[in-house]
PDB file of N, CA and C in Angstrom:
ATOM      1  N   UNK A   1     -30.521  49.872 185.282  1.00  0.00           N
ATOM      2  CA  UNK A   1     -31.090  50.577 186.414  1.00  0.00           C
ATOM      3  C   UNK A   1     -32.004  49.653 187.233  1.00  0.00           C
ATOM      4  N   UNK A   2     -32.815  48.862 186.530  1.00  0.00           N
ATOM      5  CA  UNK A   2     -33.732  47.949 187.213  1.00  0.00           C
ATOM      6  C   UNK A   2     -32.959  46.922 188.047  1.00  0.00           C
ATOM      7  N   UNK A   3     -31.806  46.488 187.530  1.00  0.00           N
ATOM      8  CA  UNK A   3     -30.987  45.529 188.268  1.00  0.00           C
ATOM      9  C   UNK A   3     -30.520  46.114 189.597  1.00  0.00           C
ATOM     10  N   UNK A   4     -30.104  47.369 189.587  1.00  0.00           N
ATOM     11  CA  UNK A   4     -29.623  48.018 190.815  1.00  0.00           C
ATOM     12  C   UNK A   4     -30.749  48.202 191.827  1.00  0.00           C
ATOM     13  N   UNK A   5     -31.933  48.567 191.344  1.00  0.00           N
ATOM     14  CA  UNK A   5     -33.079  48.710 192.247  1.00  0.00           C
ATOM     15  C   UNK A   5     -33.428  47.360 192.873  1.00  0.00           C
ATOM     16  N   UNK A   6     -33.455  46.328 192.039  1.00  0.00           N
ATOM     17  CA  UNK A   6     -33.775  44.989 192.542  1.00  0.00           C
ATOM     18  C   UNK A   6     -32.738  44.513 193.545  1.00  0.00           C
ATOM     19  N   UNK A   7     -31.468  44.732 193.258  1.00  0.00           N
ATOM     20  CA  UNK A   7     -30.421  44.323 194.199  1.00  0.00           C
ATOM     21  C   UNK A   7     -30.499  45.103 195.503  1.00  0.00           C
ATOM     22  N   UNK A   8     -30.817  46.380 195.432  1.00  0.00           N
ATOM     23  CA  UNK A   8     -30.973  47.190 196.646  1.00  0.00           C
ATOM     24  C   UNK A   8     -32.115  46.659 197.510  1.00  0.00           C
ATOM     25  N   UNK A   9     -33.237  46.331 196.873  1.00  0.00           N
ATOM     26  CA  UNK A   9     -34.354  45.781 197.636  1.00  0.00           C
ATOM     27  C   UNK A   9     -34.020  44.416 198.221  1.00  0.00           C
ATOM     28  N   UNK A  10     -33.251  43.622 197.507  1.00  0.00           N
ATOM     29  CA  UNK A  10     -32.840  42.320 198.051  1.00  0.00           C
ATOM     30  C   UNK A  10     -31.898  42.484 199.240  1.00  0.00           C
ATOM     31  N   UNK A  11     -31.045  43.474 199.196  1.00  0.00           N
ATOM     32  CA  UNK A  11     -30.162  43.736 200.334  1.00  0.00           C
ATOM     33  C   UNK A  11     -30.995  44.138 201.549  1.00  0.00           C
ATOM     34  N   UNK A  12     -31.974  45.007 201.333  1.00  0.00           N
ATOM     35  CA  UNK A  12     -32.870  45.407 202.429  1.00  0.00           C
ATOM     36  C   UNK A  12     -33.589  44.182 202.988  1.00  0.00           C
ATOM     37  N   UNK A  13     -34.114  43.349 202.101  1.00  0.00           N
ATOM     38  CA  UNK A  13     -34.811  42.139 202.538  1.00  0.00           C
ATOM     39  C   UNK A  13     -33.895  41.170 203.272  1.00  0.00           C
ATOM     40  N   UNK A  14     -32.679  41.010 202.761  1.00  0.00           N
ATOM     41  CA  UNK A  14     -31.726  40.119 203.417  1.00  0.00           C
ATOM     42  C   UNK A  14     -31.329  40.608 204.802  1.00  0.00           C
ATOM     43  N   UNK A  15     -31.094  41.894 204.919  1.00  0.00           N
ATOM     44  CA  UNK A  15     -30.759  42.452 206.238  1.00  0.00           C
ATOM     45  C   UNK A  15     -31.936  42.318 207.190  1.00  0.00           C
ATOM     46  N   UNK A  16     -33.144  42.527 206.684  1.00  0.00           N
ATOM     47  CA  UNK A  16     -34.325  42.375 207.521  1.00  0.00           C
ATOM     48  C   UNK A  16     -34.452  40.934 208.014  1.00  0.00           C
ATOM     49  N   UNK A  17     -34.268  39.960 207.112  1.00  0.00           N
ATOM     50  CA  UNK A  17     -34.334  38.550 207.527  1.00  0.00           C
ATOM     51  C   UNK A  17     -33.233  38.207 208.519  1.00  0.00           C
ATOM     52  N   UNK A  18     -32.064  38.812 208.359  1.00  0.00           N
ATOM     53  CA  UNK A  18     -30.996  38.609 209.326  1.00  0.00           C
ATOM     54  C   UNK A  18     -31.387  39.109 210.707  1.00  0.00           C
ATOM     55  N   UNK A  19     -32.006  40.277 210.755  1.00  0.00           N
ATOM     56  CA  UNK A  19     -32.481  40.812 212.033  1.00  0.00           C
ATOM     57  C   UNK A  19     -33.561  39.920 212.641  1.00  0.00           C
ATOM     58  N   UNK A  20     -34.454  39.399 211.793  1.00  0.00           N
ATOM     59  CA  UNK A  20     -35.497  38.509 212.292  1.00  0.00           C
ATOM     60  C   UNK A  20     -34.864  37.240 212.854  1.00  0.00           C
ATOM     61  N   UNK A  21     -33.904  36.676 212.149  1.00  0.00           N
ATOM     62  CA  UNK A  21     -33.277  35.440 212.586  1.00  0.00           C
ATOM     63  C   UNK A  21     -32.425  35.588 213.838  1.00  0.00           C
ATOM     64  N   UNK A  22     -31.699  36.675 213.933  1.00  0.00           N
ATOM     65  CA  UNK A  22     -30.776  36.860 215.061  1.00  0.00           C
ATOM     66  C   UNK A  22     -31.475  37.448 216.280  1.00  0.00           C
ATOM     67  N   UNK A  23     -32.280  38.468 216.050  1.00  0.00           N
ATOM     68  CA  UNK A  23     -32.856  39.224 217.171  1.00  0.00           C
ATOM     69  C   UNK A  23     -34.382  39.127 217.281  1.00  0.00           C
ATOM     70  N   UNK A  24     -35.033  38.397 216.393  1.00  0.00           N
ATOM     71  CA  UNK A  24     -36.501  38.342 216.334  1.00  0.00           C
ATOM     72  C   UNK A  24     -37.087  39.752 216.216  1.00  0.00           C
ATOM     73  N   UNK A  25     -36.449  40.566 215.383  1.00  0.00           N
ATOM     74  CA  UNK A  25     -36.869  41.956 215.188  1.00  0.00           C
ATOM     75  C   UNK A  25     -37.092  42.208 213.696  1.00  0.00           C
ATOM     76  N   UNK A  26     -38.314  42.510 213.317  1.00  0.00           N
ATOM     77  CA  UNK A  26     -38.660  42.793 211.928  1.00  0.00           C
ATOM     78  C   UNK A  26     -38.618  44.301 211.725  1.00  0.00           C
ATOM     79  N   UNK A  27     -37.547  44.781 211.106  1.00  0.00           N
ATOM     80  CA  UNK A  27     -37.344  46.218 210.924  1.00  0.00           C
ATOM     81  C   UNK A  27     -38.417  46.831 210.019  1.00  0.00           C
ATOM     82  N   UNK A  28     -38.792  46.126 208.969  1.00  0.00           N
ATOM     83  CA  UNK A  28     -39.823  46.648 208.063  1.00  0.00           C
ATOM     84  C   UNK A  28     -41.147  46.814 208.808  1.00  0.00           C
ATOM     85  N   UNK A  29     -41.534  45.795 209.555  1.00  0.00           N
ATOM     86  CA  UNK A  29     -42.783  45.873 210.324  1.00  0.00           C
ATOM     87  C   UNK A  29     -42.698  46.987 211.367  1.00  0.00           C
ATOM     88  N   UNK A  30     -41.576  47.115 212.010  1.00  0.00           N
ATOM     89  CA  UNK A  30     -41.395  48.147 213.029  1.00  0.00           C
ATOM     90  C   UNK A  30     -41.482  49.546 212.401  1.00  0.00           C
ATOM     91  N   UNK A  31     -40.862  49.716 211.238  1.00  0.00           N
ATOM     92  CA  UNK A  31     -40.811  51.035 210.608  1.00  0.00           C
ATOM     93  C   UNK A  31     -42.159  51.456 210.019  1.00  0.00           C
ATOM     94  N   UNK A  32     -42.965  50.473 209.602  1.00  0.00           N
ATOM     95  CA  UNK A  32     -44.178  50.822 208.871  1.00  0.00           C
ATOM     96  C   UNK A  32     -45.460  50.405 209.561  1.00  0.00           C
ATOM     97  N   UNK A  33     -45.420  50.072 210.841  1.00  0.00           N
ATOM     98  CA  UNK A  33     -46.652  49.851 211.592  1.00  0.00           C
ATOM     99  C   UNK A  33     -47.138  48.425 211.684  1.00  0.00           C
ATOM    100  N   UNK A  34     -46.253  47.460 211.613  1.00  0.00           N
ATOM    101  CA  UNK A  34     -46.641  46.065 211.766  1.00  0.00           C
ATOM    102  C   UNK A  34     -46.626  45.302 210.457  1.00  0.00           C
ATOM    103  N   UNK A  35     -46.618  43.976 210.563  1.00  0.00           N
ATOM    104  CA  UNK A  35     -46.550  43.133 209.375  1.00  0.00           C
ATOM    105  C   UNK A  35     -47.788  43.235 208.510  1.00  0.00           C
ATOM    106  N   UNK A  36     -48.925  43.509 209.107  1.00  0.00           N
ATOM    107  CA  UNK A  36     -50.171  43.589 208.364  1.00  0.00           C
ATOM    108  C   UNK A  36     -50.440  44.936 207.730  1.00  0.00           C
ATOM    109  N   UNK A  37     -49.626  45.936 208.055  1.00  0.00           N
ATOM    110  CA  UNK A  37     -49.841  47.275 207.493  1.00  0.00           C
ATOM    111  C   UNK A  37     -49.628  47.245 205.987  1.00  0.00           C
ATOM    112  N   UNK A  38     -50.397  48.042 205.289  1.00  0.00           N
ATOM    113  CA  UNK A  38     -50.351  48.043 203.824  1.00  0.00           C
ATOM    114  C   UNK A  38     -48.958  48.342 203.292  1.00  0.00           C
ATOM    115  N   UNK A  39     -48.276  49.322 203.864  1.00  0.00           N
ATOM    116  CA  UNK A  39     -46.944  49.685 203.358  1.00  0.00           C
ATOM    117  C   UNK A  39     -45.937  48.567 203.629  1.00  0.00           C
ATOM    118  N   UNK A  40     -46.053  47.890 204.765  1.00  0.00           N
ATOM    119  CA  UNK A  40     -45.167  46.761 205.044  1.00  0.00           C
ATOM    120  C   UNK A  40     -45.381  45.651 204.025  1.00  0.00           C
ATOM    121  N   UNK A  41     -46.617  45.375 203.729  1.00  0.00           N
ATOM    122  CA  UNK A  41     -46.919  44.332 202.746  1.00  0.00           C
ATOM    123  C   UNK A  41     -46.410  44.715 201.368  1.00  0.00           C
ATOM    124  N   UNK A  42     -46.486  45.988 201.035  1.00  0.00           N
ATOM    125  CA  UNK A  42     -45.954  46.457 199.753  1.00  0.00           C
ATOM    126  C   UNK A  42     -44.449  46.248 199.696  1.00  0.00           C
ATOM    127  N   UNK A  43     -43.757  46.574 200.790  1.00  0.00           N
ATOM    128  CA  UNK A  43     -42.300  46.365 200.835  1.00  0.00           C
ATOM    129  C   UNK A  43     -41.986  44.885 200.682  1.00  0.00           C
ATOM    130  N   UNK A  44     -42.707  44.013 201.388  1.00  0.00           N
ATOM    131  CA  UNK A  44     -42.475  42.573 201.275  1.00  0.00           C
ATOM    132  C   UNK A  44     -42.710  42.095 199.837  1.00  0.00           C
ATOM    133  N   UNK A  45     -43.741  42.598 199.194  1.00  0.00           N
ATOM    134  CA  UNK A  45     -44.045  42.213 197.812  1.00  0.00           C
ATOM    135  C   UNK A  45     -42.951  42.709 196.872  1.00  0.00           C
ATOM    136  N   UNK A  46     -42.481  43.932 197.071  1.00  0.00           N
ATOM    137  CA  UNK A  46     -41.410  44.464 196.227  1.00  0.00           C
ATOM    138  C   UNK A  46     -40.124  43.663 196.376  1.00  0.00           C
ATOM    139  N   UNK A  47     -39.824  43.234 197.601  1.00  0.00           N
ATOM    140  CA  UNK A  47     -38.639  42.401 197.815  1.00  0.00           C
ATOM    141  C   UNK A  47     -38.795  41.060 197.097  1.00  0.00           C
ATOM    142  N   UNK A  48     -39.975  40.477 197.165  1.00  0.00           N
ATOM    143  CA  UNK A  48     -40.226  39.210 196.478  1.00  0.00           C
ATOM    144  C   UNK A  48     -40.118  39.377 194.962  1.00  0.00           C
ATOM    145  N   UNK A  49     -40.675  40.443 194.418  1.00  0.00           N
ATOM    146  CA  UNK A  49     -40.560  40.703 192.985  1.00  0.00           C
ATOM    147  C   UNK A  49     -39.108  40.937 192.574  1.00  0.00           C
ATOM    148  N   UNK A  50     -38.360  41.595 193.447  1.00  0.00           N
ATOM    149  CA  UNK A  50     -36.943  41.816 193.180  1.00  0.00           C
ATOM    150  C   UNK A  50     -36.182  40.495 193.131  1.00  0.00           C
ATOM    151  N   UNK A  51     -36.532  39.595 194.015  1.00  0.00           N
ATOM    152  CA  UNK A  51     -35.897  38.278 194.003  1.00  0.00           C
ATOM    153  C   UNK A  51     -36.194  37.554 192.698  1.00  0.00           C
ATOM    154  N   UNK A  52     -37.433  37.623 192.246  1.00  0.00           N
ATOM    155  CA  UNK A  52     -37.799  36.991 190.976  1.00  0.00           C
ATOM    156  C   UNK A  52     -37.035  37.634 189.821  1.00  0.00           C
ATOM    157  N   UNK A  53     -36.901  38.950 189.848  1.00  0.00           N
ATOM    158  CA  UNK A  53     -36.154  39.658 188.808  1.00  0.00           C
ATOM    159  C   UNK A  53     -34.692  39.233 188.804  1.00  0.00           C
ATOM    160  N   UNK A  54     -34.109  39.095 189.980  1.00  0.00           N
ATOM    161  CA  UNK A  54     -32.678  38.790 190.092  1.00  0.00           C
ATOM    162  C   UNK A  54     -32.343  37.357 189.674  1.00  0.00           C
ATOM    163  N   UNK A  55     -33.330  36.512 189.557  1.00  0.00           N
ATOM    164  CA  UNK A  55     -33.066  35.179 189.008  1.00  0.00           C
ATOM    165  C   UNK A  55     -32.481  35.326 187.602  1.00  0.00           C
ATOM    166  N   UNK A  56     -32.961  36.316 186.865  1.00  0.00           N
ATOM    167  CA  UNK A  56     -32.440  36.536 185.511  1.00  0.00           C
ATOM    168  C   UNK A  56     -30.975  36.945 185.520  1.00  0.00           C
ATOM    169  N   UNK A  57     -30.495  37.546 186.604  1.00  0.00           N
ATOM    170  CA  UNK A  57     -29.087  37.931 186.683  1.00  0.00           C
ATOM    171  C   UNK A  57     -28.179  36.713 186.618  1.00  0.00           C
ATOM    172  N   UNK A  58     -28.610  35.625 187.194  1.00  0.00           N
ATOM    173  CA  UNK A  58     -27.807  34.402 187.145  1.00  0.00           C
ATOM    174  C   UNK A  58     -27.577  33.964 185.708  1.00  0.00           C
ATOM    175  N   UNK A  59     -28.602  34.011 184.914  1.00  0.00           N
ATOM    176  CA  UNK A  59     -28.507  33.561 183.536  1.00  0.00           C
ATOM    177  C   UNK A  59     -27.814  34.584 182.647  1.00  0.00           C
ATOM    178  N   UNK A  60     -28.022  35.845 182.909  1.00  0.00           N
ATOM    179  CA  UNK A  60     -27.367  36.875 182.099  1.00  0.00           C
ATOM    180  C   UNK A  60     -25.875  36.893 182.344  1.00  0.00           C
ATOM    181  N   UNK A  61     -25.448  36.725 183.573  1.00  0.00           N
ATOM    182  CA  UNK A  61     -24.011  36.718 183.860  1.00  0.00           C
ATOM    183  C   UNK A  61     -23.343  35.517 183.191  1.00  0.00           C
ATOM    184  N   UNK A  62     -23.986  34.368 183.220  1.00  0.00           N
ATOM    185  CA  UNK A  62     -23.423  33.194 182.573  1.00  0.00           C
ATOM    186  C   UNK A  62     -23.358  33.393 181.073  1.00  0.00           C
ATOM    187  N   UNK A  63     -24.371  34.007 180.497  1.00  0.00           N
ATOM    188  CA  UNK A  63     -24.382  34.254 179.050  1.00  0.00           C
ATOM    189  C   UNK A  63     -23.281  35.217 178.643  1.00  0.00           C
ATOM    190  N   UNK A  64     -23.080  36.273 179.459  1.00  0.00           N
ATOM    191  CA  UNK A  64     -22.024  37.239 179.158  1.00  0.00           C
ATOM    192  C   UNK A  64     -20.664  36.573 179.299  1.00  0.00           C
ATOM    193  N   UNK A  65     -20.469  35.779 180.343  1.00  0.00           N
ATOM    194  CA  UNK A  65     -19.183  35.106 180.552  1.00  0.00           C
ATOM    195  C   UNK A  65     -18.889  34.155 179.399  1.00  0.00           C
ATOM    196  N   UNK A  66     -19.893  33.425 178.935  1.00  0.00           N
ATOM    197  CA  UNK A  66     -19.700  32.482 177.829  1.00  0.00           C
ATOM    198  C   UNK A  66     -19.338  33.215 176.542  1.00  0.00           C
ATOM    199  N   UNK A  67     -19.909  34.402 176.321  1.00  0.00           N
ATOM    200  CA  UNK A  67     -19.610  35.157 175.115  1.00  0.00           C
ATOM    201  C   UNK A  67     -18.195  35.726 175.148  1.00  0.00           C
ATOM    202  N   UNK A  68     -17.718  36.092 176.321  1.00  0.00           N
ATOM    203  CA  UNK A  68     -16.392  36.672 176.443  1.00  0.00           C
ATOM    204  C   UNK A  68     -15.300  35.642 176.237  1.00  0.00           C
ATOM    205  N   UNK A  69     -15.580  34.388 176.518  1.00  0.00           N
ATOM    206  CA  UNK A  69     -14.588  33.326 176.366  1.00  0.00           C
ATOM    207  C   UNK A  69     -14.483  32.937 174.959  1.00  0.00           C
TER     208      UNK A  69
END
């Protein structure tokens, strides 16, 4: 369950960065009252924590693949 939550937050973060890069539009900041707003900062922190969590997915997938072979 935690993996799915982390991946969902990473997708949100990735789409947000895509919007920033292409259109200079920060959807999270727009939705929650600016980059400095507490809720925006919480979303940014959750996305960062999700990225740290998903690093473990790289190693777990390799471990599972090695065991199956």
